[in-house]
Amino acid sequence: MQAIDAKDSLNLSDLTRDEKREIWMKRQCQTLESLAVVCGCGLSALSRHFRNETMPTAYHQKLVEYGMPADTLPDPLDRPRGPKPRNSMTMTALAQAQ
């Protein structure tokens, strides 16, 4: 049997955000389904938010209040929903061209 080198041992600071979240979920016996219920959203929506760099502040706040460490979650950011507003310069240029 070989001895384990110190450099081969697990350094917890090297874990990614996703790995930390998975460890927390396993230790707390939580699933994506149970966390989606906490957030009040669907499973696919929560899974998509976890894959992104940001997530809605309401979901972030609910998960932190539930006990999930903030460093395991994407950054909270509310993005505008729906179609982007049209540029008024383009509309003016089109009106003048006619």
Protein backbone atom coordinates (compact mmCIF):
# COMPACT_ATOMS: atom_id res chain seq x y z
CA MET A 1 0.00 0.00 0.00
CA GLN A 2 1.26 3.46 -0.85
CA ALA A 3 1.24 6.39 1.53
CA ILE A 4 -0.92 9.35 0.54
CA ASP A 5 1.08 12.43 -0.34
CA ALA A 6 0.04 15.70 1.27
CA LYS A 7 -0.38 17.28 -2.15
CA ASP A 8 -2.81 14.51 -3.17
CA SER A 9 -5.12 15.11 -0.20
CA LEU A 10 -8.41 16.92 -0.67
CA ASN A 11 -8.28 20.68 -0.18
CA LEU A 12 -11.81 21.92 0.47
CA SER A 13 -10.97 25.42 -0.72
CA ASP A 14 -10.40 23.98 -4.20
CA LEU A 15 -14.00 22.79 -4.50
CA THR A 16 -16.22 24.52 -7.03
CA ARG A 17 -19.49 26.19 -6.07
CA ASP A 18 -21.40 23.26 -7.55
CA GLU A 19 -19.37 20.72 -5.60
CA LYS A 20 -19.91 22.63 -2.34
CA ARG A 21 -23.65 22.78 -3.05
CA GLU A 22 -23.80 19.03 -3.75
CA ILE A 23 -21.96 18.26 -0.50
CA TRP A 24 -24.30 20.54 1.48
CA MET A 25 -27.36 18.96 -0.12
CA LYS A 26 -26.15 15.42 0.66
CA ARG A 27 -25.31 16.29 4.27
CA GLN A 28 -28.72 17.91 4.78
CA CYS A 29 -30.56 15.13 2.89
CA GLN A 30 -31.95 17.69 0.45
CA THR A 31 -32.92 17.14 -3.18
CA LEU A 32 -33.50 19.61 -5.98
CA GLU A 33 -37.20 18.85 -5.63
CA SER A 34 -37.26 19.82 -1.96
CA LEU A 35 -35.29 23.01 -2.62
CA ALA A 36 -37.64 23.91 -5.49
CA VAL A 37 -40.53 23.68 -3.02
CA VAL A 38 -38.67 26.03 -0.66
CA CYS A 39 -38.22 28.53 -3.50
CA GLY A 40 -41.75 28.11 -4.79
CA CYS A 41 -40.56 27.33 -8.31
CA GLY A 42 -40.32 24.30 -10.55
CA LEU A 43 -37.54 21.76 -10.54
CA SER A 44 -36.33 22.69 -14.02
CA ALA A 45 -36.31 26.41 -13.17
CA LEU A 46 -34.20 25.87 -10.05
CA SER A 47 -31.84 23.56 -11.92
CA ARG A 48 -31.40 26.24 -14.61
CA HIS A 49 -30.72 28.92 -11.98
CA PHE A 50 -28.07 26.72 -10.35
CA ARG A 51 -26.29 26.33 -13.71
CA ASN A 52 -26.26 30.11 -14.32
CA GLU A 53 -23.95 32.71 -12.81
CA THR A 54 -26.91 34.57 -11.27
CA MET A 55 -30.31 33.73 -9.85
CA PRO A 56 -33.33 35.83 -8.81
CA THR A 57 -32.84 37.55 -5.47
CA ALA A 58 -36.10 36.14 -4.07
CA TYR A 59 -34.96 32.53 -4.62
CA HIS A 60 -31.48 33.31 -3.31
CA GLN A 61 -32.92 34.88 -0.15
CA LYS A 62 -35.32 31.98 0.50
CA LEU A 63 -32.52 29.41 0.16
CA VAL A 64 -30.18 31.35 2.46
CA GLU A 65 -32.97 31.73 5.04
CA TYR A 66 -33.56 27.97 4.74
CA GLY A 67 -29.93 27.44 5.75
CA MET A 68 -28.08 27.01 2.48
CA PRO A 69 -24.67 28.75 2.51
CA ALA A 70 -24.60 31.77 0.21
CA ASP A 71 -21.26 30.75 -1.28
CA THR A 72 -22.90 27.62 -2.74
CA LEU A 73 -25.42 29.71 -4.70
CA PRO A 74 -25.14 31.85 -7.81
CA ASP A 75 -25.01 35.61 -7.21
CA PRO A 76 -28.41 37.23 -6.60
CA LEU A 77 -29.53 39.43 -9.48
CA ASP A 78 -32.97 40.39 -10.75
CA ARG A 79 -33.00 40.60 -14.52
CA PRO A 80 -35.82 42.26 -16.44
CA ARG A 81 -38.26 39.75 -17.88
CA GLY A 82 -39.93 39.76 -21.26
CA PRO A 83 -38.89 41.19 -24.60
CA LYS A 84 -36.30 43.91 -24.76
CA PRO A 85 -37.73 47.37 -25.46
CA ARG A 86 -37.32 48.63 -28.99
CA ASN A 87 -34.78 51.31 -29.61
CA SER A 88 -36.55 54.67 -30.18
CA MET A 89 -33.74 55.79 -32.51
CA THR A 90 -34.51 52.94 -34.88
CA MET A 91 -38.22 53.75 -34.90
CA THR A 92 -37.50 57.43 -35.62
CA ALA A 93 -35.13 56.55 -38.44
CA LEU A 94 -37.74 54.22 -39.97
CA ALA A 95 -40.43 56.89 -39.78
CA GLN A 96 -38.19 59.44 -41.50
CA ALA A 97 -37.22 57.00 -44.25
CA GLN A 98 -40.85 56.58 -45.29
